[in-house]
Amino acid sequence: TLTLEEATRKRTRAQEKFFHGPVLKAFAALGWRKQEAKDMLCLLFIPLEVRLMDGSMARVPGHTSALSVQEYSDLIDACIQLAAENGQVVEDVAEWRAAHRQKEKTA
């Protein structure tokens, strides 16, 4: 069996850093640890269905590592919206990048 699929650019390191930084920090302010927040967000926005040994299906959190650049951007946007709906503000990406670069220069 041969399977062909269109090659898509996978997520960027900058997206990963932003998601694991300011985005998850907003949910930590709501009482979740970072890993709990990531699991919850991935379950909400990129769920996977897996077949259990008894044949039933279970919904589990998807993996950010499998996302394309566009899919990761969509996930981040959805998370920012959810944070805002819960009274949290996620730091602006441009401001975060500038502060992150400044930290790297001084380190």
PDB file of N, CA and C in Angstrom:
ATOM      1  N   THR A   1       0.851  -1.174   0.000  1.00  0.00           N
ATOM      2  CA  THR A   1       0.000   0.000   0.000  1.00  0.00           C
ATOM      3  C   THR A   1       0.890   1.228   0.000  1.00  0.00           C
ATOM      4  N   LEU A   2       0.578   2.150  -0.854  1.00  0.00           N
ATOM      5  CA  LEU A   2       1.312   3.401  -0.950  1.00  0.00           C
ATOM      6  C   LEU A   2       0.351   4.533  -0.638  1.00  0.00           C
ATOM      7  N   THR A   3       0.747   5.385   0.271  1.00  0.00           N
ATOM      8  CA  THR A   3      -0.074   6.526   0.639  1.00  0.00           C
ATOM      9  C   THR A   3       0.674   7.797   0.274  1.00  0.00           C
ATOM     10  N   LEU A   4       0.018   8.675  -0.427  1.00  0.00           N
ATOM     11  CA  LEU A   4       0.590   9.969  -0.788  1.00  0.00           C
ATOM     12  C   LEU A   4      -0.165  11.053  -0.054  1.00  0.00           C
ATOM     13  N   GLU A   5       0.578  12.006   0.465  1.00  0.00           N
ATOM     14  CA  GLU A   5      -0.065  13.159   1.057  1.00  0.00           C
ATOM     15  C   GLU A   5       0.773  14.385   0.747  1.00  0.00           C
ATOM     16  N   GLU A   6       0.098  15.503   0.691  1.00  0.00           N
ATOM     17  CA  GLU A   6       0.778  16.752   0.388  1.00  0.00           C
ATOM     18  C   GLU A   6       1.711  17.123   1.532  1.00  0.00           C
ATOM     19  N   ALA A   7       2.925  17.492   1.180  1.00  0.00           N
ATOM     20  CA  ALA A   7       3.884  17.912   2.202  1.00  0.00           C
ATOM     21  C   ALA A   7       3.503  19.296   2.691  1.00  0.00           C
ATOM     22  N   THR A   8       3.367  19.428   3.998  1.00  0.00           N
ATOM     23  CA  THR A   8       3.063  20.725   4.580  1.00  0.00           C
ATOM     24  C   THR A   8       4.159  21.072   5.561  1.00  0.00           C
ATOM     25  N   ARG A   9       4.407  22.334   5.685  1.00  0.00           N
ATOM     26  CA  ARG A   9       5.434  22.784   6.613  1.00  0.00           C
ATOM     27  C   ARG A   9       4.926  22.582   8.035  1.00  0.00           C
ATOM     28  N   LYS A  10       5.708  21.915   8.849  1.00  0.00           N
ATOM     29  CA  LYS A  10       5.314  21.656  10.234  1.00  0.00           C
ATOM     30  C   LYS A  10       5.467  22.927  11.062  1.00  0.00           C
ATOM     31  N   ARG A  11       4.926  22.887  12.235  1.00  0.00           N
ATOM     32  CA  ARG A  11       4.936  24.029  13.138  1.00  0.00           C
ATOM     33  C   ARG A  11       6.342  24.601  13.265  1.00  0.00           C
ATOM     34  N   THR A  12       6.410  25.846  13.665  1.00  0.00           N
ATOM     35  CA  THR A  12       7.718  26.483  13.831  1.00  0.00           C
ATOM     36  C   THR A  12       8.107  26.482  15.307  1.00  0.00           C
ATOM     37  N   ARG A  13       9.361  26.647  15.546  1.00  0.00           N
ATOM     38  CA  ARG A  13       9.862  26.726  16.933  1.00  0.00           C
ATOM     39  C   ARG A  13       9.276  27.955  17.618  1.00  0.00           C
ATOM     40  N   ALA A  14       9.113  29.046  16.879  1.00  0.00           N
ATOM     41  CA  ALA A  14       8.533  30.260  17.467  1.00  0.00           C
ATOM     42  C   ALA A  14       7.097  30.008  17.919  1.00  0.00           C
ATOM     43  N   GLN A  15       6.338  29.248  17.124  1.00  0.00           N
ATOM     44  CA  GLN A  15       4.970  28.916  17.526  1.00  0.00           C
ATOM     45  C   GLN A  15       4.977  28.083  18.802  1.00  0.00           C
ATOM     46  N   GLU A  16       5.857  27.094  18.863  1.00  0.00           N
ATOM     47  CA  GLU A  16       5.956  26.246  20.060  1.00  0.00           C
ATOM     48  C   GLU A  16       6.277  27.084  21.299  1.00  0.00           C
ATOM     49  N   LYS A  17       7.247  27.980  21.163  1.00  0.00           N
ATOM     50  CA  LYS A  17       7.645  28.814  22.297  1.00  0.00           C
ATOM     51  C   LYS A  17       6.503  29.721  22.743  1.00  0.00           C
ATOM     52  N   PHE A  18       5.784  30.298  21.793  1.00  0.00           N
ATOM     53  CA  PHE A  18       4.682  31.189  22.142  1.00  0.00           C
ATOM     54  C   PHE A  18       3.551  30.406  22.815  1.00  0.00           C
ATOM     55  N   PHE A  19       3.226  29.235  22.267  1.00  0.00           N
ATOM     56  CA  PHE A  19       2.166  28.414  22.853  1.00  0.00           C
ATOM     57  C   PHE A  19       2.541  27.980  24.267  1.00  0.00           C
ATOM     58  N   HIS A  20       3.780  27.491  24.445  1.00  0.00           N
ATOM     59  CA  HIS A  20       4.210  26.997  25.747  1.00  0.00           C
ATOM     60  C   HIS A  20       4.561  28.120  26.715  1.00  0.00           C
ATOM     61  N   GLY A  21       4.640  29.352  26.222  1.00  0.00           N
ATOM     62  CA  GLY A  21       4.922  30.494  27.079  1.00  0.00           C
ATOM     63  C   GLY A  21       3.648  31.257  27.412  1.00  0.00           C
ATOM     64  N   PRO A  22       3.411  32.367  26.710  1.00  0.00           N
ATOM     65  CA  PRO A  22       2.275  33.235  27.038  1.00  0.00           C
ATOM     66  C   PRO A  22       0.897  32.564  26.981  1.00  0.00           C
ATOM     67  N   VAL A  23       0.685  31.674  26.027  1.00  0.00           N
ATOM     68  CA  VAL A  23      -0.640  31.056  25.914  1.00  0.00           C
ATOM     69  C   VAL A  23      -0.928  30.184  27.132  1.00  0.00           C
ATOM     70  N   LEU A  24      -0.027  29.265  27.445  1.00  0.00           N
ATOM     71  CA  LEU A  24      -0.268  28.395  28.591  1.00  0.00           C
ATOM     72  C   LEU A  24      -0.211  29.157  29.913  1.00  0.00           C
ATOM     73  N   LYS A  25       0.569  30.232  29.960  1.00  0.00           N
ATOM     74  CA  LYS A  25       0.629  31.055  31.169  1.00  0.00           C
ATOM     75  C   LYS A  25      -0.741  31.658  31.477  1.00  0.00           C
ATOM     76  N   ALA A  26      -1.481  32.033  30.449  1.00  0.00           N
ATOM     77  CA  ALA A  26      -2.818  32.596  30.657  1.00  0.00           C
ATOM     78  C   ALA A  26      -3.730  31.586  31.339  1.00  0.00           C
ATOM     79  N   PHE A  27      -3.593  30.319  31.002  1.00  0.00           N
ATOM     80  CA  PHE A  27      -4.425  29.288  31.614  1.00  0.00           C
ATOM     81  C   PHE A  27      -3.907  28.877  32.991  1.00  0.00           C
ATOM     82  N   ALA A  28      -2.615  29.054  33.222  1.00  0.00           N
ATOM     83  CA  ALA A  28      -2.067  28.814  34.555  1.00  0.00           C
ATOM     84  C   ALA A  28      -2.682  29.813  35.536  1.00  0.00           C
ATOM     85  N   ALA A  29      -2.940  31.025  35.053  1.00  0.00           N
ATOM     86  CA  ALA A  29      -3.576  32.036  35.891  1.00  0.00           C
ATOM     87  C   ALA A  29      -5.004  31.641  36.271  1.00  0.00           C
ATOM     88  N   LEU A  30      -5.583  30.715  35.512  1.00  0.00           N
ATOM     89  CA  LEU A  30      -6.927  30.229  35.812  1.00  0.00           C
ATOM     90  C   LEU A  30      -6.906  28.984  36.700  1.00  0.00           C
ATOM     91  N   GLY A  31      -5.709  28.544  37.095  1.00  0.00           N
ATOM     92  CA  GLY A  31      -5.597  27.445  38.036  1.00  0.00           C
ATOM     93  C   GLY A  31      -5.085  26.133  37.479  1.00  0.00           C
ATOM     94  N   TRP A  32      -4.751  26.068  36.202  1.00  0.00           N
ATOM     95  CA  TRP A  32      -4.211  24.833  35.629  1.00  0.00           C
ATOM     96  C   TRP A  32      -2.691  24.860  35.644  1.00  0.00           C
ATOM     97  N   ARG A  33      -2.084  23.712  35.866  1.00  0.00           N
ATOM     98  CA  ARG A  33      -0.645  23.599  35.619  1.00  0.00           C
ATOM     99  C   ARG A  33      -0.469  23.591  34.104  1.00  0.00           C
ATOM    100  N   LYS A  34       0.730  23.899  33.638  1.00  0.00           N
ATOM    101  CA  LYS A  34       0.948  24.018  32.188  1.00  0.00           C
ATOM    102  C   LYS A  34       0.567  22.750  31.434  1.00  0.00           C
ATOM    103  N   GLN A  35       0.978  21.583  31.930  1.00  0.00           N
ATOM    104  CA  GLN A  35       0.662  20.348  31.218  1.00  0.00           C
ATOM    105  C   GLN A  35      -0.831  20.076  31.220  1.00  0.00           C
ATOM    106  N   GLU A  36      -1.504  20.374  32.327  1.00  0.00           N
ATOM    107  CA  GLU A  36      -2.961  20.214  32.376  1.00  0.00           C
ATOM    108  C   GLU A  36      -3.636  21.134  31.365  1.00  0.00           C
ATOM    109  N   ALA A  37      -3.160  22.372  31.303  1.00  0.00           N
ATOM    110  CA  ALA A  37      -3.727  23.337  30.360  1.00  0.00           C
ATOM    111  C   ALA A  37      -3.507  22.868  28.923  1.00  0.00           C
ATOM    112  N   LYS A  38      -2.306  22.391  28.627  1.00  0.00           N
ATOM    113  CA  LYS A  38      -2.026  21.917  27.274  1.00  0.00           C
ATOM    114  C   LYS A  38      -2.924  20.737  26.917  1.00  0.00           C
ATOM    115  N   ASP A  39      -3.065  19.785  27.836  1.00  0.00           N
ATOM    116  CA  ASP A  39      -3.926  18.629  27.588  1.00  0.00           C
ATOM    117  C   ASP A  39      -5.370  19.061  27.352  1.00  0.00           C
ATOM    118  N   MET A  40      -5.854  19.970  28.179  1.00  0.00           N
ATOM    119  CA  MET A  40      -7.230  20.452  28.067  1.00  0.00           C
ATOM    120  C   MET A  40      -7.446  21.157  26.727  1.00  0.00           C
ATOM    121  N   LEU A  41      -6.520  22.020  26.347  1.00  0.00           N
ATOM    122  CA  LEU A  41      -6.656  22.766  25.091  1.00  0.00           C
ATOM    123  C   LEU A  41      -6.569  21.849  23.879  1.00  0.00           C
ATOM    124  N   CYS A  42      -5.666  20.887  23.931  1.00  0.00           N
ATOM    125  CA  CYS A  42      -5.543  19.940  22.816  1.00  0.00           C
ATOM    126  C   CYS A  42      -6.773  19.039  22.722  1.00  0.00           C
ATOM    127  N   LEU A  43      -7.371  18.712  23.850  1.00  0.00           N
ATOM    128  CA  LEU A  43      -8.602  17.922  23.836  1.00  0.00           C
ATOM    129  C   LEU A  43      -9.758  18.737  23.248  1.00  0.00           C
ATOM    130  N   LEU A  44      -9.809  20.006  23.592  1.00  0.00           N
ATOM    131  CA  LEU A  44     -10.874  20.873  23.065  1.00  0.00           C
ATOM    132  C   LEU A  44     -10.725  21.150  21.576  1.00  0.00           C
ATOM    133  N   PHE A  45      -9.503  21.465  21.150  1.00  0.00           N
ATOM    134  CA  PHE A  45      -9.311  22.005  19.810  1.00  0.00           C
ATOM    135  C   PHE A  45      -8.697  21.052  18.779  1.00  0.00           C
ATOM    136  N   ILE A  46      -7.968  20.037  19.228  1.00  0.00           N
ATOM    137  CA  ILE A  46      -7.389  19.084  18.273  1.00  0.00           C
ATOM    138  C   ILE A  46      -7.538  17.650  18.788  1.00  0.00           C
ATOM    139  N   PRO A  47      -8.766  17.251  19.088  1.00  0.00           N
ATOM    140  CA  PRO A  47      -8.968  15.917  19.669  1.00  0.00           C
ATOM    141  C   PRO A  47      -8.674  14.794  18.670  1.00  0.00           C
ATOM    142  N   LEU A  48      -8.299  13.658  19.207  1.00  0.00           N
ATOM    143  CA  LEU A  48      -8.116  12.431  18.430  1.00  0.00           C
ATOM    144  C   LEU A  48      -9.065  11.384  18.998  1.00  0.00           C
ATOM    145  N   GLU A  49      -9.504  10.480  18.145  1.00  0.00           N
ATOM    146  CA  GLU A  49     -10.277   9.341  18.625  1.00  0.00           C
ATOM    147  C   GLU A  49      -9.412   8.106  18.502  1.00  0.00           C
ATOM    148  N   VAL A  50      -9.344   7.344  19.576  1.00  0.00           N
ATOM    149  CA  VAL A  50      -8.574   6.111  19.576  1.00  0.00           C
ATOM    150  C   VAL A  50      -9.501   4.951  19.923  1.00  0.00           C
ATOM    151  N   ARG A  51      -9.247   3.834  19.294  1.00  0.00           N
ATOM    152  CA  ARG A  51     -10.039   2.638  19.573  1.00  0.00           C
ATOM    153  C   ARG A  51      -9.402   1.910  20.758  1.00  0.00           C
ATOM    154  N   LEU A  52     -10.207   1.634  21.765  1.00  0.00           N
ATOM    155  CA  LEU A  52      -9.738   0.918  22.943  1.00  0.00           C
ATOM    156  C   LEU A  52      -9.777  -0.582  22.690  1.00  0.00           C
ATOM    157  N   MET A  53      -9.192  -1.333  23.578  1.00  0.00           N
ATOM    158  CA  MET A  53      -9.101  -2.782  23.400  1.00  0.00           C
ATOM    159  C   MET A  53     -10.478  -3.448  23.329  1.00  0.00           C
ATOM    160  N   ASP A  54     -11.469  -2.851  23.991  1.00  0.00           N
ATOM    161  CA  ASP A  54     -12.814  -3.434  23.962  1.00  0.00           C
ATOM    162  C   ASP A  54     -13.604  -3.019  22.721  1.00  0.00           C
ATOM    163  N   GLY A  55     -12.958  -2.255  21.836  1.00  0.00           N
ATOM    164  CA  GLY A  55     -13.602  -1.819  20.601  1.00  0.00           C
ATOM    165  C   GLY A  55     -14.288  -0.483  20.694  1.00  0.00           C
ATOM    166  N   SER A  56     -14.433   0.050  21.889  1.00  0.00           N
ATOM    167  CA  SER A  56     -15.067   1.357  22.040  1.00  0.00           C
ATOM    168  C   SER A  56     -14.075   2.455  21.644  1.00  0.00           C
ATOM    169  N   MET A  57     -14.589   3.635  21.443  1.00  0.00           N
ATOM    170  CA  MET A  57     -13.758   4.768  21.044  1.00  0.00           C
ATOM    171  C   MET A  57     -13.626   5.736  22.214  1.00  0.00           C
ATOM    172  N   ALA A  58     -12.465   6.328  22.331  1.00  0.00           N
ATOM    173  CA  ALA A  58     -12.219   7.333  23.369  1.00  0.00           C
ATOM    174  C   ALA A  58     -11.649   8.573  22.695  1.00  0.00           C
ATOM    175  N   ARG A  59     -12.030   9.712  23.195  1.00  0.00           N
ATOM    176  CA  ARG A  59     -11.522  10.988  22.697  1.00  0.00           C
ATOM    177  C   ARG A  59     -10.358  11.401  23.599  1.00  0.00           C
ATOM    178  N   VAL A  60      -9.214  11.683  22.982  1.00  0.00           N
ATOM    179  CA  VAL A  60      -8.006  12.038  23.729  1.00  0.00           C
ATOM    180  C   VAL A  60      -7.405  13.309  23.130  1.00  0.00           C
ATOM    181  N   PRO A  61      -6.538  13.995  23.898  1.00  0.00           N
ATOM    182  CA  PRO A  61      -5.891  15.189  23.351  1.00  0.00           C
ATOM    183  C   PRO A  61      -5.023  14.851  22.145  1.00  0.00           C
ATOM    184  N   GLY A  62      -5.093  15.688  21.108  1.00  0.00           N
ATOM    185  CA  GLY A  62      -4.225  15.533  19.954  1.00  0.00           C
ATOM    186  C   GLY A  62      -2.819  16.015  20.287  1.00  0.00           C
ATOM    187  N   HIS A  63      -1.933  15.889  19.322  1.00  0.00           N
ATOM    188  CA  HIS A  63      -0.530  16.242  19.522  1.00  0.00           C
ATOM    189  C   HIS A  63      -0.174  17.468  18.690  1.00  0.00           C
ATOM    190  N   THR A  64       0.411  18.455  19.321  1.00  0.00           N
ATOM    191  CA  THR A  64       0.815  19.651  18.596  1.00  0.00           C
ATOM    192  C   THR A  64       1.939  19.355  17.616  1.00  0.00           C
ATOM    193  N   SER A  65       2.710  18.318  17.860  1.00  0.00           N
ATOM    194  CA  SER A  65       3.837  17.983  16.983  1.00  0.00           C
ATOM    195  C   SER A  65       3.391  17.607  15.574  1.00  0.00           C
ATOM    196  N   ALA A  66       2.142  17.193  15.426  1.00  0.00           N
ATOM    197  CA  ALA A  66       1.633  16.782  14.114  1.00  0.00           C
ATOM    198  C   ALA A  66       1.038  17.944  13.320  1.00  0.00           C
ATOM    199  N   LEU A  67       1.002  19.137  13.901  1.00  0.00           N
ATOM    200  CA  LEU A  67       0.321  20.259  13.263  1.00  0.00           C
ATOM    201  C   LEU A  67       1.188  20.964  12.227  1.00  0.00           C
ATOM    202  N   SER A  68       0.532  21.446  11.185  1.00  0.00           N
ATOM    203  CA  SER A  68       1.201  22.310  10.208  1.00  0.00           C
ATOM    204  C   SER A  68       1.279  23.721  10.795  1.00  0.00           C
ATOM    205  N   VAL A  69       1.990  24.593  10.123  1.00  0.00           N
ATOM    206  CA  VAL A  69       2.100  25.985  10.565  1.00  0.00           C
ATOM    207  C   VAL A  69       0.706  26.606  10.685  1.00  0.00           C
ATOM    208  N   GLN A  70      -0.137  26.400   9.673  1.00  0.00           N
ATOM    209  CA  GLN A  70      -1.477  26.993   9.703  1.00  0.00           C
ATOM    210  C   GLN A  70      -2.334  26.386  10.810  1.00  0.00           C
ATOM    211  N   GLU A  71      -2.262  25.076  10.981  1.00  0.00           N
ATOM    212  CA  GLU A  71      -3.039  24.416  12.037  1.00  0.00           C
ATOM    213  C   GLU A  71      -2.602  24.890  13.421  1.00  0.00           C
ATOM    214  N   TYR A  72      -1.293  25.089  13.599  1.00  0.00           N
ATOM    215  CA  TYR A  72      -0.800  25.570  14.898  1.00  0.00           C
ATOM    216  C   TYR A  72      -1.269  27.003  15.128  1.00  0.00           C
ATOM    217  N   SER A  73      -1.251  27.825  14.073  1.00  0.00           N
ATOM    218  CA  SER A  73      -1.758  29.197  14.198  1.00  0.00           C
ATOM    219  C   SER A  73      -3.228  29.195  14.584  1.00  0.00           C
ATOM    220  N   ASP A  74      -3.996  28.306  13.968  1.00  0.00           N
ATOM    221  CA  ASP A  74      -5.424  28.199  14.298  1.00  0.00           C
ATOM    222  C   ASP A  74      -5.614  27.780  15.756  1.00  0.00           C
ATOM    223  N   LEU A  75      -4.800  26.835  16.223  1.00  0.00           N
ATOM    224  CA  LEU A  75      -4.875  26.403  17.616  1.00  0.00           C
ATOM    225  C   LEU A  75      -4.566  27.568  18.551  1.00  0.00           C
ATOM    226  N   ILE A  76      -3.496  28.284  18.271  1.00  0.00           N
ATOM    227  CA  ILE A  76      -3.111  29.419  19.106  1.00  0.00           C
ATOM    228  C   ILE A  76      -4.225  30.464  19.135  1.00  0.00           C
ATOM    229  N   ASP A  77      -4.797  30.770  17.979  1.00  0.00           N
ATOM    230  CA  ASP A  77      -5.893  31.752  17.917  1.00  0.00           C
ATOM    231  C   ASP A  77      -7.091  31.299  18.750  1.00  0.00           C
ATOM    232  N   ALA A  78      -7.441  30.019  18.654  1.00  0.00           N
ATOM    233  CA  ALA A  78      -8.572  29.493  19.425  1.00  0.00           C
ATOM    234  C   ALA A  78      -8.283  29.573  20.924  1.00  0.00           C
ATOM    235  N   CYS A  79      -7.053  29.297  21.316  1.00  0.00           N
ATOM    236  CA  CYS A  79      -6.674  29.360  22.728  1.00  0.00           C
ATOM    237  C   CYS A  79      -6.707  30.794  23.251  1.00  0.00           C
ATOM    238  N   ILE A  80      -6.234  31.726  22.436  1.00  0.00           N
ATOM    239  CA  ILE A  80      -6.267  33.141  22.827  1.00  0.00           C
ATOM    240  C   ILE A  80      -7.712  33.589  23.018  1.00  0.00           C
ATOM    241  N   GLN A  81      -8.598  33.164  22.116  1.00  0.00           N
ATOM    242  CA  GLN A  81     -10.014  33.505  22.228  1.00  0.00           C
ATOM    243  C   GLN A  81     -10.611  32.925  23.512  1.00  0.00           C
ATOM    244  N   LEU A  82     -10.315  31.665  23.800  1.00  0.00           N
ATOM    245  CA  LEU A  82     -10.836  31.027  25.009  1.00  0.00           C
ATOM    246  C   LEU A  82     -10.304  31.722  26.261  1.00  0.00           C
ATOM    247  N   ALA A  83      -9.042  32.080  26.249  1.00  0.00           N
ATOM    248  CA  ALA A  83      -8.463  32.803  27.386  1.00  0.00           C
ATOM    249  C   ALA A  83      -9.206  34.122  27.590  1.00  0.00           C
ATOM    250  N   ALA A  84      -9.440  34.853  26.501  1.00  0.00           N
ATOM    251  CA  ALA A  84     -10.141  36.138  26.587  1.00  0.00           C
ATOM    252  C   ALA A  84     -11.557  35.951  27.136  1.00  0.00           C
ATOM    253  N   GLU A  85     -12.234  34.893  26.703  1.00  0.00           N
ATOM    254  CA  GLU A  85     -13.584  34.614  27.196  1.00  0.00           C
ATOM    255  C   GLU A  85     -13.597  34.313  28.687  1.00  0.00           C
ATOM    256  N   ASN A  86     -12.430  33.955  29.223  1.00  0.00           N
ATOM    257  CA  ASN A  86     -12.302  33.648  30.644  1.00  0.00           C
ATOM    258  C   ASN A  86     -11.535  34.733  31.404  1.00  0.00           C
ATOM    259  N   GLY A  87     -11.463  35.918  30.818  1.00  0.00           N
ATOM    260  CA  GLY A  87     -10.885  37.068  31.495  1.00  0.00           C
ATOM    261  C   GLY A  87      -9.375  37.146  31.511  1.00  0.00           C
ATOM    262  N   GLN A  88      -8.713  36.381  30.664  1.00  0.00           N
ATOM    263  CA  GLN A  88      -7.253  36.395  30.618  1.00  0.00           C
ATOM    264  C   GLN A  88      -6.776  37.021  29.310  1.00  0.00           C
ATOM    265  N   VAL A  89      -5.711  37.773  29.405  1.00  0.00           N
ATOM    266  CA  VAL A  89      -5.129  38.397  28.226  1.00  0.00           C
ATOM    267  C   VAL A  89      -3.802  37.710  27.934  1.00  0.00           C
ATOM    268  N   VAL A  90      -3.671  37.221  26.712  1.00  0.00           N
ATOM    269  CA  VAL A  90      -2.410  36.618  26.274  1.00  0.00           C
ATOM    270  C   VAL A  90      -1.565  37.738  25.697  1.00  0.00           C
ATOM    271  N   GLU A  91      -0.336  37.784  26.133  1.00  0.00           N
ATOM    272  CA  GLU A  91       0.601  38.803  25.668  1.00  0.00           C
ATOM    273  C   GLU A  91       0.648  38.829  24.139  1.00  0.00           C
ATOM    274  N   ASP A  92       0.689  40.023  23.568  1.00  0.00           N
ATOM    275  CA  ASP A  92       0.772  40.191  22.120  1.00  0.00           C
ATOM    276  C   ASP A  92       2.041  39.520  21.602  1.00  0.00           C
ATOM    277  N   VAL A  93       1.910  38.815  20.489  1.00  0.00           N
ATOM    278  CA  VAL A  93       3.035  38.045  19.954  1.00  0.00           C
ATOM    279  C   VAL A  93       4.229  38.938  19.605  1.00  0.00           C
ATOM    280  N   ALA A  94       3.979  40.110  19.056  1.00  0.00           N
ATOM    281  CA  ALA A  94       5.089  41.004  18.706  1.00  0.00           C
ATOM    282  C   ALA A  94       5.810  41.494  19.960  1.00  0.00           C
ATOM    283  N   GLU A  95       5.058  41.838  20.993  1.00  0.00           N
ATOM    284  CA  GLU A  95       5.673  42.278  22.252  1.00  0.00           C
ATOM    285  C   GLU A  95       6.431  41.124  22.903  1.00  0.00           C
ATOM    286  N   TRP A  96       5.844  39.927  22.855  1.00  0.00           N
ATOM    287  CA  TRP A  96       6.496  38.763  23.433  1.00  0.00           C
ATOM    288  C   TRP A  96       7.809  38.467  22.713  1.00  0.00           C
ATOM    289  N   ARG A  97       7.788  38.518  21.374  1.00  0.00           N
ATOM    290  CA  ARG A  97       9.018  38.266  20.611  1.00  0.00           C
ATOM    291  C   ARG A  97      10.107  39.266  20.968  1.00  0.00           C
ATOM    292  N   ALA A  98       9.730  40.550  21.049  1.00  0.00           N
ATOM    293  CA  ALA A  98      10.709  41.589  21.368  1.00  0.00           C
ATOM    294  C   ALA A  98      11.310  41.355  22.759  1.00  0.00           C
ATOM    295  N   ALA A  99      10.472  41.036  23.735  1.00  0.00           N
ATOM    296  CA  ALA A  99      10.961  40.779  25.096  1.00  0.00           C
ATOM    297  C   ALA A  99      11.815  39.523  25.119  1.00  0.00           C
ATOM    298  N   HIS A 100      11.401  38.505  24.362  1.00  0.00           N
ATOM    299  CA  HIS A 100      12.142  37.237  24.315  1.00  0.00           C
ATOM    300  C   HIS A 100      13.525  37.456  23.685  1.00  0.00           C
ATOM    301  N   ARG A 101      13.589  38.227  22.621  1.00  0.00           N
ATOM    302  CA  ARG A 101      14.878  38.528  21.988  1.00  0.00           C
ATOM    303  C   ARG A 101      15.780  39.322  22.935  1.00  0.00           C
ATOM    304  N   GLN A 102      15.174  40.268  23.672  1.00  0.00           N
ATOM    305  CA  GLN A 102      15.937  41.075  24.617  1.00  0.00           C
ATOM    306  C   GLN A 102      16.543  40.194  25.710  1.00  0.00           C
ATOM    307  N   LYS A 103      15.768  39.225  26.204  1.00  0.00           N
ATOM    308  CA  LYS A 103      16.263  38.298  27.224  1.00  0.00           C
ATOM    309  C   LYS A 103      17.439  37.499  26.692  1.00  0.00           C
ATOM    310  N   GLU A 104      17.342  37.049  25.440  1.00  0.00           N
ATOM    311  CA  GLU A 104      18.419  36.243  24.831  1.00  0.00           C
ATOM    312  C   GLU A 104      19.688  37.065  24.688  1.00  0.00           C
ATOM    313  N   LYS A 105      19.543  38.351  24.370  1.00  0.00           N
ATOM    314  CA  LYS A 105      20.716  39.222  24.227  1.00  0.00           C
ATOM    315  C   LYS A 105      21.426  39.451  25.553  1.00  0.00           C
ATOM    316  N   THR A 106      20.651  39.574  26.643  1.00  0.00           N
ATOM    317  CA  THR A 106      21.243  39.851  27.932  1.00  0.00           C
ATOM    318  C   THR A 106      21.720  38.595  28.654  1.00  0.00           C
ATOM    319  N   ALA A 107      21.312  37.449  28.162  1.00  0.00           N
ATOM    320  CA  ALA A 107      21.703  36.184  28.828  1.00  0.00           C
ATOM    321  C   ALA A 107      23.096  35.742  28.453  1.00  0.00           C
TER     322      ALA A 107
END
